[in-house]
Amino acid sequence: MARVEMTSHLFRFFPALKGREIIVPGQSVAEVLAAVNELAPGFTDYVLDERGAVRRHVLISVNDSMLVDRKTLSDRVPEGGTVYVFQALTGG
């Protein structure tokens, strides 16, 4: 099982996740995100593009390492690991 944490602005779009501990099954980032999508339908549509890759302005890390495989999300999530999902800030 993996813990999922995210920036608070995502709760505006997915209120079912607000105020709850998000613990889901999954051994890869793809599996973990799919499990979160089961709890809050549309979640993967928000963080992934039409090809299933991480959107440009979304960052994901597993524990303290940034996601390496942004296309197929094959990065391993260790048992008891934490997946962080947050929006990247851009602009000038």
Protein backbone atom coordinates (compact mmCIF):
# COMPACT_ATOMS: atom_id res chain seq x y z
CA MET A 1 0.00 0.00 0.00
CA ALA A 2 1.11 3.55 -0.69
CA ARG A 3 0.21 6.90 0.81
CA VAL A 4 -0.75 9.68 -1.59
CA GLU A 5 -0.37 13.33 -0.69
CA MET A 6 -1.22 16.27 -2.89
CA THR A 7 -1.41 20.02 -2.91
CA SER A 8 -4.58 21.38 -1.38
CA HIS A 9 -5.81 23.04 -4.58
CA LEU A 10 -6.61 19.57 -5.98
CA PHE A 11 -9.27 19.10 -3.31
CA ARG A 12 -11.31 21.82 -4.99
CA PHE A 13 -11.66 19.51 -7.99
CA PHE A 14 -11.78 16.27 -5.99
CA PRO A 15 -13.62 16.97 -2.73
CA ALA A 16 -13.97 13.22 -2.05
CA LEU A 17 -10.25 13.21 -1.20
CA LYS A 18 -10.30 16.20 1.16
CA GLY A 19 -9.62 15.52 4.81
CA ARG A 20 -8.91 11.83 4.40
CA GLU A 21 -5.81 9.75 4.55
CA ILE A 22 -5.28 8.40 1.04
CA ILE A 23 -3.82 4.91 1.22
CA VAL A 24 -4.11 2.84 -1.95
CA PRO A 25 -2.63 -0.34 -3.45
CA GLY A 26 -0.06 -0.17 -6.20
CA GLN A 27 3.53 -1.06 -6.95
CA SER A 28 4.06 1.54 -9.68
CA VAL A 29 3.05 5.18 -10.00
CA ALA A 30 0.58 4.16 -12.74
CA GLU A 31 -1.12 1.67 -10.41
CA VAL A 32 -1.25 4.14 -7.53
CA LEU A 33 -2.80 6.89 -9.68
CA ALA A 34 -5.35 4.42 -11.07
CA ALA A 35 -6.32 3.50 -7.50
CA VAL A 36 -6.76 7.19 -6.60
CA ASN A 37 -8.93 7.56 -9.70
CA GLU A 38 -11.20 4.84 -8.28
CA LEU A 39 -11.73 7.01 -5.19
CA ALA A 40 -12.13 10.26 -7.15
CA PRO A 41 -13.16 9.65 -10.77
CA GLY A 42 -11.49 12.07 -13.15
CA PHE A 43 -8.32 12.40 -11.08
CA THR A 44 -6.11 10.80 -13.72
CA ASP A 45 -7.70 12.98 -16.42
CA TYR A 46 -6.53 15.99 -14.44
CA VAL A 47 -2.93 14.90 -13.88
CA LEU A 48 -2.34 12.88 -17.07
CA ASP A 49 -2.68 13.87 -20.71
CA GLU A 50 -4.60 12.01 -23.43
CA ARG A 51 -1.65 9.60 -23.91
CA GLY A 52 -1.43 8.78 -20.21
CA ALA A 53 1.74 10.81 -19.62
CA VAL A 54 2.09 13.30 -16.77
CA ARG A 55 0.88 16.73 -17.82
CA ARG A 56 3.53 19.39 -18.27
CA HIS A 57 2.58 21.43 -15.21
CA VAL A 58 2.19 18.48 -12.83
CA LEU A 59 5.05 17.08 -10.77
CA ILE A 60 5.05 13.70 -9.06
CA SER A 61 7.59 12.26 -6.68
CA VAL A 62 7.96 8.96 -4.90
CA ASN A 63 9.25 9.56 -1.40
CA ASP A 64 12.08 12.06 -2.03
CA SER A 65 12.77 11.25 -5.70
CA MET A 66 11.16 13.01 -8.63
CA LEU A 67 9.34 10.79 -11.10
CA VAL A 68 11.70 9.59 -13.84
CA ASP A 69 9.26 7.91 -16.24
CA ARG A 70 6.73 10.64 -17.05
CA LYS A 71 5.34 8.68 -20.03
CA THR A 72 4.41 5.22 -18.73
CA LEU A 73 4.67 5.95 -14.98
CA SER A 74 6.60 2.74 -14.36
CA ASP A 75 8.60 4.13 -11.40
CA ARG A 76 8.31 1.67 -8.51
CA VAL A 77 6.53 2.63 -5.32
CA PRO A 78 7.92 0.76 -2.32
CA GLU A 79 5.57 -0.77 0.23
CA GLY A 80 4.66 2.04 2.62
CA GLY A 81 6.03 4.67 0.22
CA THR A 82 4.50 8.09 -0.40
CA VAL A 83 3.53 9.46 -3.79
CA TYR A 84 3.32 13.26 -3.89
CA VAL A 85 1.30 14.99 -6.62
CA PHE A 86 1.59 18.74 -7.03
CA GLN A 87 1.16 21.42 -9.63
CA ALA A 88 4.35 23.00 -10.91
CA LEU A 89 4.51 26.79 -10.89
CA THR A 90 5.62 28.38 -14.13
CA GLY A 91 5.67 31.81 -15.60
CA GLY A 92 7.61 34.91 -14.94
